Amino acid sequence: MSVRVLIDHRKNPQAPRHPEKAHRPDNPIARKPDWIRVKAPGHPVYHETRQLMRDNNLVTVCEEASCPNIGECWSQRHATMMIMGEICTRACAFCNVTTGLPGALDADEPSRVADAVAKLGLRHVVITSVDRDDLADGGADHFAQVIASIRAASPETTIEVLTPDFLRKRGALEIVVAARPDVFNHNIETVPRLYTTIRPGARYYQSVRLLDRVKQLDPSIFTKSGLMLGLGEEKAEVAQVMDDFRIADIDFITMGQYLQPTVKHAAVARFVTPAEFDDYAAMARVKGFLQVSSTPLTRSSYHADADFAALRAARDAQLQKAAPAPTHPAHAEPC
């Protein structure tokens, strides 16, 4: 599951980023179709955002996971903070985050994250993390501290967390829910059949139950999950995952194209066309999700602020529609 060595690829760019994958056969990286290609970052605000991350010694999933949308998002001062370091205890076949033994938690990190959120003037922020299977609570208390620090520094900012699965971490989920994020996101990533090869350290039904439990603990918190497409899944399998999501009362589903980070990662089985993504979006809306984002470049935190506003509006509309019509007392007949 984890490699017992600390890999600091920032201080030593020549160090192998994924030594745990070195024994795997190479999977040639397929040429991307036109609808996947994005422009290289170059906007002045992109560089300002990047420098702010450096000044606050913060890690972002935008960089660590090689997100294709980093140029667009950082040019709009949108960044997804990745807390608890940049070393993950798992080695998922799709992920570009470094695997190894993480260091100790940084007690100052919550305040630095909150300071960056305030300086960026964010209306909505996404906080994610590496998996921390080495910690007794999986990092749940650290998530809670970050949420509290952001609430204190930027009270108007809405907060979305994208957490690990807290596998075998009894009580961890309850700690994060008690901190009351506005959105609780945990990505399923792929269909159950592909878990053993794509997400071997996780369990599909544990992830679905996690989000179901969030709703049981606090129905006011929006729940969200996402799928990568193009890993070899079948349409019927995606439809079944959507049904599982709805049984768990998940509000928001995201679907995007899987992109292979290196030759040592899982190969792209195929590039799903924009029309197919539209079909999946239509299917999800019919199944009753409050919010759907389904495009080749969709990622969990892509356009998260606008999506949150739409999500909240959809719930308000749903509640108004479900509200009973006002009753008026009958007028007394004149004598």
Protein backbone atom coordinates (compact mmCIF):
# COMPACT_ATOMS: atom_id res chain seq x y z
CA MET A 1 0.00 0.00 0.00
CA SER A 2 2.67 2.54 0.95
CA VAL A 3 6.37 2.93 0.34
CA ARG A 4 8.32 3.51 3.54
CA VAL A 5 10.48 6.29 2.22
CA LEU A 6 9.99 10.04 2.15
CA ILE A 7 10.13 11.38 -1.41
CA ASP A 8 10.55 15.15 -1.65
CA HIS A 9 10.36 15.75 -5.40
CA ARG A 10 10.33 19.53 -4.97
CA LYS A 11 13.74 19.63 -3.28
CA ASN A 12 15.09 16.89 -5.54
CA PRO A 13 13.42 17.02 -8.97
CA GLN A 14 15.60 14.10 -10.13
CA ALA A 15 14.14 11.76 -7.51
CA PRO A 16 11.60 9.31 -8.93
CA ARG A 17 8.13 10.57 -8.11
CA HIS A 18 6.54 7.13 -8.07
CA PRO A 19 9.10 4.50 -7.01
CA GLU A 20 6.25 2.22 -5.94
CA LYS A 21 5.14 2.05 -9.57
CA ALA A 22 8.60 1.46 -11.04
CA HIS A 23 8.05 -2.29 -11.46
CA ARG A 24 4.92 -1.78 -13.54
CA PRO A 25 5.06 -2.14 -17.32
CA ASP A 26 4.96 1.08 -19.31
CA ASN A 27 1.60 2.17 -20.71
CA PRO A 28 2.18 4.51 -23.67
CA ILE A 29 0.33 7.79 -23.27
CA ALA A 30 -2.29 8.19 -25.99
CA ARG A 31 -2.51 11.41 -27.99
CA LYS A 32 -5.29 13.60 -26.62
CA PRO A 33 -8.19 14.58 -28.88
CA ASP A 34 -8.81 18.24 -29.67
CA TRP A 35 -11.54 18.60 -27.05
CA ILE A 36 -9.10 17.74 -24.23
CA ARG A 37 -6.31 20.17 -25.03
CA VAL A 38 -5.92 23.33 -22.94
CA LYS A 39 -3.73 26.41 -23.18
CA ALA A 40 -0.55 26.64 -21.12
CA PRO A 41 -0.86 28.93 -18.05
CA GLY A 42 0.34 32.46 -18.63
CA HIS A 43 -2.14 34.96 -17.18
CA PRO A 44 -0.61 37.44 -14.67
CA VAL A 45 -3.17 36.47 -12.01
CA TYR A 46 -2.10 32.84 -12.43
CA HIS A 47 1.41 33.81 -11.36
CA GLU A 48 0.06 35.90 -8.45
CA THR A 49 -1.95 32.93 -7.20
CA ARG A 50 1.04 30.63 -7.58
CA GLN A 51 3.23 33.02 -5.60
CA LEU A 52 0.63 33.30 -2.84
CA MET A 53 0.70 29.51 -2.48
CA ARG A 54 4.49 29.61 -2.26
CA ASP A 55 4.52 32.48 0.25
CA ASN A 56 2.13 30.58 2.53
CA ASN A 57 3.99 27.29 2.04
CA LEU A 58 0.80 25.61 0.82
CA VAL A 59 0.29 22.53 -1.29
CA THR A 60 -2.46 22.45 -3.92
CA VAL A 61 -4.02 19.46 -5.61
CA CYS A 62 -3.99 21.58 -8.76
CA GLU A 63 -0.22 21.08 -9.01
CA GLU A 64 0.20 17.75 -7.26
CA ALA A 65 -2.43 15.98 -9.38
CA SER A 66 -1.40 17.77 -12.60
CA CYS A 67 -4.88 19.19 -13.16
CA PRO A 68 -5.42 20.35 -16.76
CA ASN A 69 -7.55 23.28 -15.58
CA ILE A 70 -4.87 24.94 -13.43
CA GLY A 71 -4.31 27.82 -15.87
CA GLU A 72 -7.99 28.74 -16.01
CA CYS A 73 -8.67 28.31 -12.30
CA TRP A 74 -5.60 30.09 -10.96
CA SER A 75 -6.19 32.96 -13.37
CA GLN A 76 -9.52 33.42 -11.54
CA ARG A 77 -7.85 33.06 -8.10
CA HIS A 78 -9.44 29.65 -7.57
CA ALA A 79 -7.22 27.03 -5.98
CA THR A 80 -7.90 23.76 -4.18
CA MET A 81 -5.79 23.51 -1.03
CA MET A 82 -4.31 20.10 -0.26
CA ILE A 83 -3.66 19.77 3.47
CA MET A 84 -1.57 17.36 5.53
CA GLY A 85 1.37 17.37 3.15
CA GLU A 86 2.04 16.12 -0.36
CA ILE A 87 2.91 12.50 0.46
CA CYS A 88 0.04 10.00 0.27
CA THR A 89 -0.04 6.61 2.01
CA ARG A 90 -1.81 5.01 -0.95
CA ALA A 91 -0.75 4.30 -4.50
CA CYS A 92 -3.84 4.51 -6.68
CA ALA A 93 -3.20 3.62 -10.33
CA PHE A 94 -4.68 6.89 -11.61
CA CYS A 95 -3.17 9.42 -9.22
CA ASN A 96 -0.07 11.58 -9.70
CA VAL A 97 0.37 12.45 -6.01
CA THR A 98 3.56 11.02 -4.52
CA THR A 99 3.29 7.87 -2.40
CA GLY A 100 5.35 7.31 0.73
CA LEU A 101 5.47 7.79 4.48
CA PRO A 102 4.19 11.32 5.28
CA GLY A 103 5.74 13.59 7.83
CA ALA A 104 4.14 14.95 10.98
CA LEU A 105 1.16 17.29 10.70
CA ASP A 106 1.96 21.01 10.61
CA ALA A 107 0.12 22.73 13.46
CA ASP A 108 0.37 26.11 11.67
CA GLU A 109 -1.19 24.86 8.45
CA PRO A 110 -4.84 25.69 9.33
CA SER A 111 -3.97 29.35 9.95
CA ARG A 112 -1.90 29.56 6.73
CA VAL A 113 -4.73 28.08 4.69
CA ALA A 114 -7.19 30.52 6.26
CA ASP A 115 -4.84 33.44 5.55
CA ALA A 116 -4.58 32.46 1.87
CA VAL A 117 -8.37 32.11 1.58
CA ALA A 118 -8.83 35.60 3.02
CA LYS A 119 -6.14 37.15 0.77
CA LEU A 120 -7.63 35.54 -2.33
CA GLY A 121 -11.07 36.80 -1.32
CA LEU A 122 -12.63 33.44 -2.06
CA ARG A 123 -16.41 33.09 -1.98
CA HIS A 124 -16.03 29.31 -1.95
CA VAL A 125 -13.01 27.17 -1.13
CA VAL A 126 -12.27 23.48 -1.62
CA ILE A 127 -10.05 21.74 0.94
CA THR A 128 -8.74 18.29 0.09
CA SER A 129 -5.95 16.09 1.41
CA VAL A 130 -3.75 13.13 0.78
CA ASP A 131 -4.75 9.85 2.40
CA ARG A 132 -3.25 9.64 5.90
CA ASP A 133 -3.68 6.01 6.87
CA ASP A 134 -0.78 6.52 9.29
CA LEU A 135 -2.90 8.76 11.57
CA ALA A 136 -5.31 7.35 14.15
CA ASP A 137 -8.15 9.57 12.88
CA GLY A 138 -7.01 9.72 9.25
CA GLY A 139 -6.52 13.49 9.65
CA ALA A 140 -10.15 14.24 10.57
CA ASP A 141 -9.27 16.62 13.41
CA HIS A 142 -6.89 18.52 11.13
CA PHE A 143 -9.73 18.97 8.63
CA ALA A 144 -11.90 20.32 11.46
CA GLN A 145 -9.18 22.78 12.51
CA VAL A 146 -8.82 24.06 8.94
CA ILE A 147 -12.59 24.58 8.68
CA ALA A 148 -12.65 26.48 11.99
CA SER A 149 -9.71 28.68 10.97
CA ILE A 150 -11.34 29.60 7.66
CA ARG A 151 -14.63 30.42 9.43
CA ALA A 152 -12.74 32.79 11.74
CA ALA A 153 -10.66 34.49 9.03
CA SER A 154 -13.27 34.64 6.26
CA PRO A 155 -16.79 34.13 7.67
CA GLU A 156 -18.55 34.68 4.33
CA THR A 157 -16.59 31.98 2.53
CA THR A 158 -18.44 28.71 1.98
CA ILE A 159 -16.34 25.60 2.55
CA GLU A 160 -16.22 22.36 0.61
CA VAL A 161 -14.14 19.43 1.84
CA LEU A 162 -12.94 16.60 -0.37
CA THR A 163 -11.91 13.95 2.14
CA PRO A 164 -10.31 10.51 2.13
CA ASP A 165 -12.54 7.52 2.87
CA PHE A 166 -11.42 7.26 6.54
CA LEU A 167 -11.26 3.50 6.07
CA ARG A 168 -11.12 1.77 9.48
CA LYS A 169 -10.96 5.14 11.29
CA ARG A 170 -13.82 4.89 13.75
CA GLY A 171 -15.31 8.27 14.66
CA ALA A 172 -13.29 10.23 12.07
CA LEU A 173 -16.22 11.10 9.84
CA GLU A 174 -18.20 12.42 12.79
CA ILE A 175 -15.37 14.87 13.62
CA VAL A 176 -15.45 16.43 10.14
CA VAL A 177 -19.26 16.57 9.98
CA ALA A 178 -19.38 18.27 13.39
CA ALA A 179 -17.22 21.07 11.93
CA ARG A 180 -20.10 21.68 9.49
CA PRO A 181 -18.59 22.18 6.04
CA ASP A 182 -21.10 23.41 3.49
CA VAL A 183 -20.27 20.57 1.08
CA PHE A 184 -18.87 17.15 1.92
CA ASN A 185 -17.22 15.58 -1.13
CA HIS A 186 -15.64 12.18 -1.41
CA ASN A 187 -14.89 10.76 -4.83
CA ILE A 188 -15.85 7.21 -5.76
CA GLU A 189 -13.53 7.61 -8.80
CA THR A 190 -14.59 4.53 -10.79
CA VAL A 191 -17.05 1.63 -10.99
CA PRO A 192 -16.79 -1.25 -8.46
CA ARG A 193 -15.41 -3.76 -11.01
CA LEU A 194 -12.29 -1.64 -11.56
CA TYR A 195 -11.42 -1.02 -7.90
CA THR A 196 -8.89 -3.84 -7.59
CA THR A 197 -6.73 -2.37 -10.37
CA ILE A 198 -7.52 1.36 -10.19
CA ARG A 199 -8.17 2.04 -6.50
CA PRO A 200 -6.87 -1.07 -4.70
CA GLY A 201 -6.45 0.56 -1.28
CA ALA A 202 -10.12 1.60 -1.10
CA ARG A 203 -13.47 -0.17 -0.89
CA TYR A 204 -16.36 0.97 -3.09
CA TYR A 205 -19.15 0.35 -0.59
CA GLN A 206 -17.19 2.00 2.23
CA SER A 207 -17.03 5.16 0.11
CA VAL A 208 -20.77 5.10 -0.67
CA ARG A 209 -21.61 4.44 3.00
CA LEU A 210 -19.40 7.34 4.06
CA LEU A 211 -21.52 9.82 2.08
CA ASP A 212 -24.74 8.16 3.19
CA ARG A 213 -23.62 8.57 6.81
CA VAL A 214 -22.94 12.30 6.28
CA LYS A 215 -26.60 12.78 5.36
CA GLN A 216 -27.72 10.78 8.39
CA LEU A 217 -25.60 12.91 10.70
CA ASP A 218 -26.46 16.29 9.17
CA PRO A 219 -28.99 16.44 6.29
CA SER A 220 -28.24 20.15 5.76
CA ILE A 221 -24.73 19.41 4.43
CA PHE A 222 -24.59 18.96 0.66
CA THR A 223 -22.90 15.73 -0.46
CA LYS A 224 -20.95 15.27 -3.64
CA SER A 225 -18.98 12.59 -5.45
CA GLY A 226 -17.23 12.12 -8.77
CA LEU A 227 -16.30 9.57 -11.40
CA MET A 228 -13.46 9.41 -13.90
CA LEU A 229 -14.56 8.03 -17.25
CA GLY A 230 -12.41 6.35 -19.88
CA LEU A 231 -10.90 3.66 -17.65
CA GLY A 232 -12.84 0.81 -19.23
CA GLU A 233 -16.18 1.20 -17.48
CA GLU A 234 -19.43 0.25 -19.23
CA LYS A 235 -22.43 2.57 -19.51
CA ALA A 236 -24.61 0.20 -17.47
CA GLU A 237 -22.02 0.25 -14.68
CA VAL A 238 -22.03 4.05 -14.57
CA ALA A 239 -25.82 4.00 -14.40
CA GLN A 240 -25.65 1.58 -11.44
CA VAL A 241 -23.20 3.85 -9.62
CA MET A 242 -25.62 6.75 -10.14
CA ASP A 243 -28.40 4.64 -8.60
CA ASP A 244 -26.17 3.81 -5.63
CA PHE A 245 -25.48 7.53 -5.23
CA ARG A 246 -29.15 8.38 -5.21
CA ILE A 247 -29.90 5.69 -2.61
CA ALA A 248 -27.25 7.41 -0.48
CA ASP A 249 -28.99 10.77 -1.19
CA ILE A 250 -25.89 12.29 -2.81
CA ASP A 251 -26.77 15.74 -4.15
CA PHE A 252 -24.08 16.42 -6.74
CA ILE A 253 -22.28 14.17 -9.22
CA THR A 254 -19.23 15.14 -11.28
CA MET A 255 -17.91 13.18 -14.27
CA GLY A 256 -14.73 13.90 -16.21
CA GLN A 257 -12.24 12.23 -18.53
CA TYR A 258 -9.39 10.28 -16.92
CA LEU A 259 -6.01 11.50 -18.16
CA GLN A 260 -2.91 9.36 -17.69
CA PRO A 261 -0.20 11.25 -15.74
CA THR A 262 2.81 9.05 -16.64
CA VAL A 263 3.60 5.80 -18.46
CA LYS A 264 3.55 4.01 -15.09
CA HIS A 265 -0.09 4.90 -14.45
CA ALA A 266 -3.24 3.18 -15.68
CA ALA A 267 -3.75 3.59 -19.42
CA VAL A 268 -6.66 5.51 -20.89
CA ALA A 269 -8.99 2.85 -22.28
CA ARG A 270 -10.66 5.43 -24.50
CA PHE A 271 -11.48 9.12 -24.73
CA VAL A 272 -15.17 9.64 -24.01
CA THR A 273 -16.69 12.13 -26.43
CA PRO A 274 -18.38 15.39 -25.33
CA ALA A 275 -21.68 14.02 -26.67
CA GLU A 276 -21.38 10.98 -24.40
CA PHE A 277 -20.70 13.24 -21.43
CA ASP A 278 -23.87 15.13 -22.31
CA ASP A 279 -25.77 11.84 -22.36
CA TYR A 280 -24.45 10.93 -18.93
CA ALA A 281 -25.46 14.37 -17.65
CA ALA A 282 -29.01 13.88 -18.95
CA MET A 283 -29.14 10.45 -17.31
CA ALA A 284 -28.01 11.90 -13.97
CA ARG A 285 -30.61 14.68 -14.08
CA VAL A 286 -33.38 12.17 -14.74
CA LYS A 287 -32.23 10.21 -11.71
CA GLY A 288 -32.75 13.28 -9.53
CA PHE A 289 -29.37 14.79 -8.67
CA LEU A 290 -29.62 18.43 -7.59
CA GLN A 291 -26.49 19.33 -9.56
CA VAL A 292 -24.58 17.62 -12.37
CA SER A 293 -21.24 18.50 -13.97
CA SER A 294 -20.27 16.21 -16.84
CA THR A 295 -17.67 17.30 -19.40
CA PRO A 296 -14.30 15.92 -20.48
CA LEU A 297 -12.43 18.51 -18.39
CA THR A 298 -14.69 18.36 -15.33
CA ARG A 299 -12.81 17.81 -12.08
CA SER A 300 -14.14 17.77 -8.52
CA SER A 301 -13.34 21.39 -7.78
CA TYR A 302 -13.67 22.79 -11.31
CA HIS A 303 -16.02 25.82 -11.16
CA ALA A 304 -16.83 24.78 -7.59
CA ASP A 305 -17.98 28.26 -6.53
CA ALA A 306 -20.52 28.61 -9.36
CA ASP A 307 -21.62 25.01 -8.89
CA PHE A 308 -22.21 25.59 -5.19
CA ALA A 309 -24.43 28.59 -5.94
CA ALA A 310 -26.42 26.48 -8.42
CA LEU A 311 -26.60 23.62 -5.91
CA ARG A 312 -28.02 25.86 -3.21
CA ALA A 313 -30.52 27.40 -5.63
CA ALA A 314 -31.65 23.93 -6.72
CA ARG A 315 -32.28 22.88 -3.14
CA ASP A 316 -34.22 26.07 -2.41
CA ALA A 317 -36.38 25.47 -5.49
CA GLN A 318 -36.95 21.86 -4.44
CA LEU A 319 -37.98 22.90 -0.92
CA GLN A 320 -40.36 25.54 -2.23
CA LYS A 321 -41.93 23.02 -4.57
CA ALA A 322 -42.39 20.53 -1.73
CA ALA A 323 -43.79 23.08 0.73
CA PRO A 324 -47.54 22.69 1.41
CA ALA A 325 -49.78 25.41 0.04
CA PRO A 326 -50.83 27.98 2.68
CA THR A 327 -54.27 27.41 4.16
CA HIS A 328 -56.72 30.22 4.89
CA PRO A 329 -59.34 30.09 7.62
CA ALA A 330 -62.88 29.82 6.32
CA HIS A 331 -64.88 33.08 6.42
CA ALA A 332 -67.80 32.99 8.83
CA GLU A 333 -71.17 33.19 7.16
CA PRO A 334 -73.12 36.35 8.05
CA CYS A 335 -76.01 35.88 10.41
